[in-house]
Amino acid sequence: MLVIFGFVLVFAVMIAMAFKSASGGSGKGQSAGIILIGPIPIIFGSDKNSVKVLVVLAIVLIAVVLTFMLLPYFIGR
């Protein structure tokens, strides 16, 4: 179900970007991404603002994952 949701979300964003560029958008695109390999994030982007947002997002994601991984240990004690 999450995979289908991801495809729908990507498709919706692509359509929104196409309408924005067709309606006379600025033509300047911004892109950024995170690749999480275990707890190690690899962050890339085309501008500093996007990368800053993704650094914060990566920290939050790692904290959430570590919380859920360690939660059974602390509950079981």
PDB file of N, CA and C in Angstrom:
ATOM      1  N   MET A   1       0.820  -1.179   0.000  1.00  0.00           N
ATOM      2  CA  MET A   1       0.000   0.000   0.000  1.00  0.00           C
ATOM      3  C   MET A   1       0.877   1.260   0.000  1.00  0.00           C
ATOM      4  N   LEU A   2       1.973   1.234   0.755  1.00  0.00           N
ATOM      5  CA  LEU A   2       2.869   2.385   0.771  1.00  0.00           C
ATOM      6  C   LEU A   2       3.544   2.602  -0.578  1.00  0.00           C
ATOM      7  N   VAL A   3       3.850   1.530  -1.283  1.00  0.00           N
ATOM      8  CA  VAL A   3       4.461   1.647  -2.603  1.00  0.00           C
ATOM      9  C   VAL A   3       3.488   2.310  -3.569  1.00  0.00           C
ATOM     10  N   ILE A   4       2.245   1.896  -3.527  1.00  0.00           N
ATOM     11  CA  ILE A   4       1.230   2.509  -4.392  1.00  0.00           C
ATOM     12  C   ILE A   4       1.062   3.973  -4.033  1.00  0.00           C
ATOM     13  N   PHE A   5       1.029   4.298  -2.752  1.00  0.00           N
ATOM     14  CA  PHE A   5       0.929   5.688  -2.321  1.00  0.00           C
ATOM     15  C   PHE A   5       2.116   6.499  -2.832  1.00  0.00           C
ATOM     16  N   GLY A   6       3.297   5.929  -2.793  1.00  0.00           N
ATOM     17  CA  GLY A   6       4.486   6.620  -3.293  1.00  0.00           C
ATOM     18  C   GLY A   6       4.394   6.905  -4.777  1.00  0.00           C
ATOM     19  N   PHE A   7       3.939   5.925  -5.561  1.00  0.00           N
ATOM     20  CA  PHE A   7       3.775   6.141  -6.998  1.00  0.00           C
ATOM     21  C   PHE A   7       2.744   7.225  -7.282  1.00  0.00           C
ATOM     22  N   VAL A   8       1.632   7.204  -6.556  1.00  0.00           N
ATOM     23  CA  VAL A   8       0.596   8.216  -6.750  1.00  0.00           C
ATOM     24  C   VAL A   8       1.127   9.597  -6.401  1.00  0.00           C
ATOM     25  N   LEU A   9       1.884   9.696  -5.331  1.00  0.00           N
ATOM     26  CA  LEU A   9       2.446  10.977  -4.917  1.00  0.00           C
ATOM     27  C   LEU A   9       3.430  11.516  -5.952  1.00  0.00           C
ATOM     28  N   VAL A  10       4.306  10.667  -6.452  1.00  0.00           N
ATOM     29  CA  VAL A  10       5.271  11.094  -7.470  1.00  0.00           C
ATOM     30  C   VAL A  10       4.546  11.528  -8.735  1.00  0.00           C
ATOM     31  N   PHE A  11       3.538  10.783  -9.131  1.00  0.00           N
ATOM     32  CA  PHE A  11       2.770  11.125 -10.325  1.00  0.00           C
ATOM     33  C   PHE A  11       2.072  12.472 -10.154  1.00  0.00           C
ATOM     34  N   ALA A  12       1.494  12.725  -8.975  1.00  0.00           N
ATOM     35  CA  ALA A  12       0.806  13.988  -8.715  1.00  0.00           C
ATOM     36  C   ALA A  12       1.782  15.164  -8.754  1.00  0.00           C
ATOM     37  N   VAL A  13       2.967  14.978  -8.215  1.00  0.00           N
ATOM     38  CA  VAL A  13       3.966  16.048  -8.229  1.00  0.00           C
ATOM     39  C   VAL A  13       4.434  16.325  -9.647  1.00  0.00           C
ATOM     40  N   MET A  14       4.597  15.274 -10.441  1.00  0.00           N
ATOM     41  CA  MET A  14       5.013  15.475 -11.831  1.00  0.00           C
ATOM     42  C   MET A  14       3.965  16.253 -12.617  1.00  0.00           C
ATOM     43  N   ILE A  15       2.698  15.955 -12.401  1.00  0.00           N
ATOM     44  CA  ILE A  15       1.627  16.688 -13.078  1.00  0.00           C
ATOM     45  C   ILE A  15       1.601  18.140 -12.618  1.00  0.00           C
ATOM     46  N   ALA A  16       1.757  18.365 -11.313  1.00  0.00           N
ATOM     47  CA  ALA A  16       1.758  19.739 -10.794  1.00  0.00           C
ATOM     48  C   ALA A  16       2.929  20.535 -11.369  1.00  0.00           C
ATOM     49  N   MET A  17       4.098  19.915 -11.479  1.00  0.00           N
ATOM     50  CA  MET A  17       5.255  20.610 -12.052  1.00  0.00           C
ATOM     51  C   MET A  17       5.040  20.900 -13.528  1.00  0.00           C
ATOM     52  N   ALA A  18       4.395  20.000 -14.250  1.00  0.00           N
ATOM     53  CA  ALA A  18       4.122  20.224 -15.668  1.00  0.00           C
ATOM     54  C   ALA A  18       3.168  21.393 -15.847  1.00  0.00           C
ATOM     55  N   PHE A  19       2.123  21.485 -15.026  1.00  0.00           N
ATOM     56  CA  PHE A  19       1.203  22.611 -15.123  1.00  0.00           C
ATOM     57  C   PHE A  19       1.876  23.923 -14.759  1.00  0.00           C
ATOM     58  N   LYS A  20       2.756  23.895 -13.784  1.00  0.00           N
ATOM     59  CA  LYS A  20       3.448  25.113 -13.367  1.00  0.00           C
ATOM     60  C   LYS A  20       4.371  25.618 -14.477  1.00  0.00           C
ATOM     61  N   SER A  21       5.085  24.709 -15.118  1.00  0.00           N
ATOM     62  CA  SER A  21       5.995  25.137 -16.182  1.00  0.00           C
ATOM     63  C   SER A  21       5.219  25.568 -17.421  1.00  0.00           C
ATOM     64  N   ALA A  22       4.074  24.961 -17.682  1.00  0.00           N
ATOM     65  CA  ALA A  22       3.271  25.339 -18.846  1.00  0.00           C
ATOM     66  C   ALA A  22       2.597  26.685 -18.649  1.00  0.00           C
ATOM     67  N   SER A  23       2.347  27.078 -17.405  1.00  0.00           N
ATOM     68  CA  SER A  23       1.673  28.346 -17.151  1.00  0.00           C
ATOM     69  C   SER A  23       2.651  29.508 -17.013  1.00  0.00           C
ATOM     70  N   GLY A  24       3.873  29.312 -17.439  1.00  0.00           N
ATOM     71  CA  GLY A  24       4.824  30.415 -17.418  1.00  0.00           C
ATOM     72  C   GLY A  24       5.609  30.510 -16.135  1.00  0.00           C
ATOM     73  N   GLY A  25       5.978  29.398 -15.577  1.00  0.00           N
ATOM     74  CA  GLY A  25       6.782  29.400 -14.361  1.00  0.00           C
ATOM     75  C   GLY A  25       8.163  29.972 -14.630  1.00  0.00           C
ATOM     76  N   SER A  26       8.944  30.121 -13.605  1.00  0.00           N
ATOM     77  CA  SER A  26      10.250  30.756 -13.737  1.00  0.00           C
ATOM     78  C   SER A  26      11.233  29.915 -14.533  1.00  0.00           C
ATOM     79  N   GLY A  27      11.008  28.625 -14.624  1.00  0.00           N
ATOM     80  CA  GLY A  27      11.906  27.760 -15.376  1.00  0.00           C
ATOM     81  C   GLY A  27      13.107  27.305 -14.583  1.00  0.00           C
ATOM     82  N   LYS A  28      13.247  27.807 -13.372  1.00  0.00           N
ATOM     83  CA  LYS A  28      14.372  27.416 -12.523  1.00  0.00           C
ATOM     84  C   LYS A  28      13.896  26.305 -11.591  1.00  0.00           C
ATOM     85  N   GLY A  29      14.501  25.158 -11.731  1.00  0.00           N
ATOM     86  CA  GLY A  29      14.096  24.033 -10.907  1.00  0.00           C
ATOM     87  C   GLY A  29      15.039  23.807  -9.749  1.00  0.00           C
ATOM     88  N   GLN A  30      14.505  23.256  -8.711  1.00  0.00           N
ATOM     89  CA  GLN A  30      15.303  22.887  -7.551  1.00  0.00           C
ATOM     90  C   GLN A  30      15.106  21.401  -7.325  1.00  0.00           C
ATOM     91  N   SER A  31      16.185  20.738  -6.996  1.00  0.00           N
ATOM     92  CA  SER A  31      16.068  19.310  -6.727  1.00  0.00           C
ATOM     93  C   SER A  31      16.989  18.938  -5.584  1.00  0.00           C
ATOM     94  N   ALA A  32      16.579  17.937  -4.848  1.00  0.00           N
ATOM     95  CA  ALA A  32      17.380  17.439  -3.737  1.00  0.00           C
ATOM     96  C   ALA A  32      16.886  16.041  -3.401  1.00  0.00           C
ATOM     97  N   GLY A  33      17.718  15.285  -2.720  1.00  0.00           N
ATOM     98  CA  GLY A  33      17.327  13.937  -2.356  1.00  0.00           C
ATOM     99  C   GLY A  33      18.148  13.388  -1.212  1.00  0.00           C
ATOM    100  N   ILE A  34      17.588  12.361  -0.581  1.00  0.00           N
ATOM    101  CA  ILE A  34      18.265  11.663   0.515  1.00  0.00           C
ATOM    102  C   ILE A  34      18.285  10.180   0.176  1.00  0.00           C
ATOM    103  N   ILE A  35      19.430   9.571   0.359  1.00  0.00           N
ATOM    104  CA  ILE A  35      19.537   8.128   0.278  1.00  0.00           C
ATOM    105  C   ILE A  35      19.983   7.666   1.660  1.00  0.00           C
ATOM    106  N   LEU A  36      19.128   6.891   2.317  1.00  0.00           N
ATOM    107  CA  LEU A  36      19.458   6.385   3.650  1.00  0.00           C
ATOM    108  C   LEU A  36      19.956   4.957   3.517  1.00  0.00           C
ATOM    109  N   ILE A  37      21.199   4.746   3.874  1.00  0.00           N
ATOM    110  CA  ILE A  37      21.776   3.411   3.909  1.00  0.00           C
ATOM    111  C   ILE A  37      22.016   3.094   5.379  1.00  0.00           C
ATOM    112  N   GLY A  38      21.034   2.393   5.943  1.00  0.00           N
ATOM    113  CA  GLY A  38      21.081   2.159   7.378  1.00  0.00           C
ATOM    114  C   GLY A  38      20.892   3.487   8.090  1.00  0.00           C
ATOM    115  N   PRO A  39      21.729   3.796   9.045  1.00  0.00           N
ATOM    116  CA  PRO A  39      21.603   5.083   9.732  1.00  0.00           C
ATOM    117  C   PRO A  39      22.417   6.204   9.084  1.00  0.00           C
ATOM    118  N   ILE A  40      23.031   5.928   7.942  1.00  0.00           N
ATOM    119  CA  ILE A  40      23.910   6.917   7.312  1.00  0.00           C
ATOM    120  C   ILE A  40      23.187   7.580   6.147  1.00  0.00           C
ATOM    121  N   PRO A  41      22.942   8.901   6.240  1.00  0.00           N
ATOM    122  CA  PRO A  41      22.270   9.584   5.134  1.00  0.00           C
ATOM    123  C   PRO A  41      23.271  10.108   4.099  1.00  0.00           C
ATOM    124  N   ILE A  42      22.905   9.984   2.839  1.00  0.00           N
ATOM    125  CA  ILE A  42      23.653  10.605   1.748  1.00  0.00           C
ATOM    126  C   ILE A  42      22.718  11.655   1.161  1.00  0.00           C
ATOM    127  N   ILE A  43      23.102  12.916   1.274  1.00  0.00           N
ATOM    128  CA  ILE A  43      22.225  14.016   0.894  1.00  0.00           C
ATOM    129  C   ILE A  43      22.846  14.749  -0.288  1.00  0.00           C
ATOM    130  N   PHE A  44      22.021  15.038  -1.293  1.00  0.00           N
ATOM    131  CA  PHE A  44      22.484  15.798  -2.450  1.00  0.00           C
ATOM    132  C   PHE A  44      21.388  16.777  -2.848  1.00  0.00           C
ATOM    133  N   GLY A  45      21.804  17.870  -3.501  1.00  0.00           N
ATOM    134  CA  GLY A  45      20.822  18.850  -3.934  1.00  0.00           C
ATOM    135  C   GLY A  45      21.426  19.898  -4.832  1.00  0.00           C
ATOM    136  N   SER A  46      20.559  20.679  -5.466  1.00  0.00           N
ATOM    137  CA  SER A  46      21.013  21.683  -6.419  1.00  0.00           C
ATOM    138  C   SER A  46      21.189  23.061  -5.792  1.00  0.00           C
ATOM    139  N   ASP A  47      20.644  23.279  -4.602  1.00  0.00           N
ATOM    140  CA  ASP A  47      20.828  24.569  -3.928  1.00  0.00           C
ATOM    141  C   ASP A  47      20.924  24.351  -2.422  1.00  0.00           C
ATOM    142  N   LYS A  48      21.436  25.355  -1.734  1.00  0.00           N
ATOM    143  CA  LYS A  48      21.709  25.224  -0.297  1.00  0.00           C
ATOM    144  C   LYS A  48      20.438  25.101   0.534  1.00  0.00           C
ATOM    145  N   ASN A  49      19.376  25.801   0.153  1.00  0.00           N
ATOM    146  CA  ASN A  49      18.147  25.762   0.948  1.00  0.00           C
ATOM    147  C   ASN A  49      17.533  24.364   0.951  1.00  0.00           C
ATOM    148  N   SER A  50      17.517  23.723  -0.197  1.00  0.00           N
ATOM    149  CA  SER A  50      16.961  22.370  -0.280  1.00  0.00           C
ATOM    150  C   SER A  50      17.781  21.398   0.558  1.00  0.00           C
ATOM    151  N   VAL A  51      19.082  21.534   0.511  1.00  0.00           N
ATOM    152  CA  VAL A  51      19.952  20.637   1.274  1.00  0.00           C
ATOM    153  C   VAL A  51      19.771  20.856   2.773  1.00  0.00           C
ATOM    154  N   LYS A  52      19.606  22.105   3.199  1.00  0.00           N
ATOM    155  CA  LYS A  52      19.389  22.379   4.623  1.00  0.00           C
ATOM    156  C   LYS A  52      18.107  21.726   5.116  1.00  0.00           C
ATOM    157  N   VAL A  53      17.052  21.814   4.320  1.00  0.00           N
ATOM    158  CA  VAL A  53      15.786  21.190   4.698  1.00  0.00           C
ATOM    159  C   VAL A  53      15.946  19.677   4.793  1.00  0.00           C
ATOM    160  N   LEU A  54      16.677  19.094   3.856  1.00  0.00           N
ATOM    161  CA  LEU A  54      16.860  17.647   3.866  1.00  0.00           C
ATOM    162  C   LEU A  54      17.763  17.181   5.000  1.00  0.00           C
ATOM    163  N   VAL A  55      18.701  17.998   5.429  1.00  0.00           N
ATOM    164  CA  VAL A  55      19.531  17.635   6.583  1.00  0.00           C
ATOM    165  C   VAL A  55      18.654  17.530   7.823  1.00  0.00           C
ATOM    166  N   VAL A  56      17.759  18.497   8.006  1.00  0.00           N
ATOM    167  CA  VAL A  56      16.843  18.454   9.148  1.00  0.00           C
ATOM    168  C   VAL A  56      15.926  17.240   9.039  1.00  0.00           C
ATOM    169  N   LEU A  57      15.414  16.984   7.842  1.00  0.00           N
ATOM    170  CA  LEU A  57      14.551  15.829   7.635  1.00  0.00           C
ATOM    171  C   LEU A  57      15.289  14.524   7.904  1.00  0.00           C
ATOM    172  N   ALA A  58      16.534  14.426   7.494  1.00  0.00           N
ATOM    173  CA  ALA A  58      17.324  13.215   7.737  1.00  0.00           C
ATOM    174  C   ALA A  58      17.540  12.991   9.229  1.00  0.00           C
ATOM    175  N   ILE A  59      17.820  14.056   9.963  1.00  0.00           N
ATOM    176  CA  ILE A  59      18.011  13.934  11.413  1.00  0.00           C
ATOM    177  C   ILE A  59      16.729  13.454  12.084  1.00  0.00           C
ATOM    178  N   VAL A  60      15.595  14.002  11.673  1.00  0.00           N
ATOM    179  CA  VAL A  60      14.309  13.594  12.236  1.00  0.00           C
ATOM    180  C   VAL A  60      14.024  12.130  11.896  1.00  0.00           C
ATOM    181  N   LEU A  61      14.266  11.740  10.649  1.00  0.00           N
ATOM    182  CA  LEU A  61      14.021  10.350  10.248  1.00  0.00           C
ATOM    183  C   LEU A  61      14.898   9.371  11.021  1.00  0.00           C
ATOM    184  N   ILE A  62      16.153   9.705  11.203  1.00  0.00           N
ATOM    185  CA  ILE A  62      17.057   8.826  11.949  1.00  0.00           C
ATOM    186  C   ILE A  62      16.615   8.726  13.411  1.00  0.00           C
ATOM    187  N   ALA A  63      16.174   9.843  13.999  1.00  0.00           N
ATOM    188  CA  ALA A  63      15.701   9.813  15.383  1.00  0.00           C
ATOM    189  C   ALA A  63      14.451   8.948  15.518  1.00  0.00           C
ATOM    190  N   VAL A  64      13.537   9.042  14.562  1.00  0.00           N
ATOM    191  CA  VAL A  64      12.321   8.232  14.604  1.00  0.00           C
ATOM    192  C   VAL A  64      12.651   6.747  14.462  1.00  0.00           C
ATOM    193  N   VAL A  65      13.527   6.421  13.531  1.00  0.00           N
ATOM    194  CA  VAL A  65      13.902   5.019  13.319  1.00  0.00           C
ATOM    195  C   VAL A  65      14.595   4.458  14.555  1.00  0.00           C
ATOM    196  N   LEU A  66      15.521   5.206  15.127  1.00  0.00           N
ATOM    197  CA  LEU A  66      16.203   4.726  16.336  1.00  0.00           C
ATOM    198  C   LEU A  66      15.237   4.564  17.505  1.00  0.00           C
ATOM    199  N   THR A  67      14.265   5.466  17.602  1.00  0.00           N
ATOM    200  CA  THR A  67      13.266   5.358  18.672  1.00  0.00           C
ATOM    201  C   THR A  67      12.474   4.069  18.536  1.00  0.00           C
ATOM    202  N   PHE A  68      12.008   3.775  17.321  1.00  0.00           N
ATOM    203  CA  PHE A  68      11.222   2.562  17.125  1.00  0.00           C
ATOM    204  C   PHE A  68      12.070   1.301  17.247  1.00  0.00           C
ATOM    205  N   MET A  69      13.336   1.393  16.932  1.00  0.00           N
ATOM    206  CA  MET A  69      14.208   0.227  17.088  1.00  0.00           C
ATOM    207  C   MET A  69      14.503  -0.058  18.557  1.00  0.00           C
ATOM    208  N   LEU A  70      14.680   0.978  19.361  1.00  0.00           N
ATOM    209  CA  LEU A  70      15.036   0.795  20.764  1.00  0.00           C
ATOM    210  C   LEU A  70      13.833   0.698  21.693  1.00  0.00           C
ATOM    211  N   LEU A  71      12.660   1.062  21.222  1.00  0.00           N
ATOM    212  CA  LEU A  71      11.462   1.043  22.050  1.00  0.00           C
ATOM    213  C   LEU A  71      11.142  -0.348  22.608  1.00  0.00           C
ATOM    214  N   PRO A  72      11.183  -1.415  21.824  1.00  0.00           N
ATOM    215  CA  PRO A  72      10.911  -2.750  22.401  1.00  0.00           C
ATOM    216  C   PRO A  72      11.910  -3.142  23.489  1.00  0.00           C
ATOM    217  N   TYR A  73      13.144  -2.719  23.359  1.00  0.00           N
ATOM    218  CA  TYR A  73      14.151  -3.046  24.374  1.00  0.00           C
ATOM    219  C   TYR A  73      13.799  -2.402  25.710  1.00  0.00           C
ATOM    220  N   PHE A  74      13.413  -1.129  25.685  1.00  0.00           N
ATOM    221  CA  PHE A  74      13.098  -0.429  26.931  1.00  0.00           C
ATOM    222  C   PHE A  74      11.759  -0.852  27.503  1.00  0.00           C
ATOM    223  N   ILE A  75      10.823  -1.223  26.660  1.00  0.00           N
ATOM    224  CA  ILE A  75       9.518  -1.681  27.163  1.00  0.00           C
ATOM    225  C   ILE A  75       9.643  -3.066  27.789  1.00  0.00           C
ATOM    226  N   GLY A  76      10.482  -3.924  27.191  1.00  0.00           N
ATOM    227  CA  GLY A  76      10.636  -5.280  27.686  1.00  0.00           C
ATOM    228  C   GLY A  76      11.422  -5.416  28.973  1.00  0.00           C
ATOM    229  N   ARG A  77      12.105  -4.378  29.392  1.00  0.00           N
ATOM    230  CA  ARG A  77      12.919  -4.459  30.617  1.00  0.00           C
ATOM    231  C   ARG A  77      12.091  -4.363  31.814  1.00  0.00           C
TER     232      ARG A  77
END
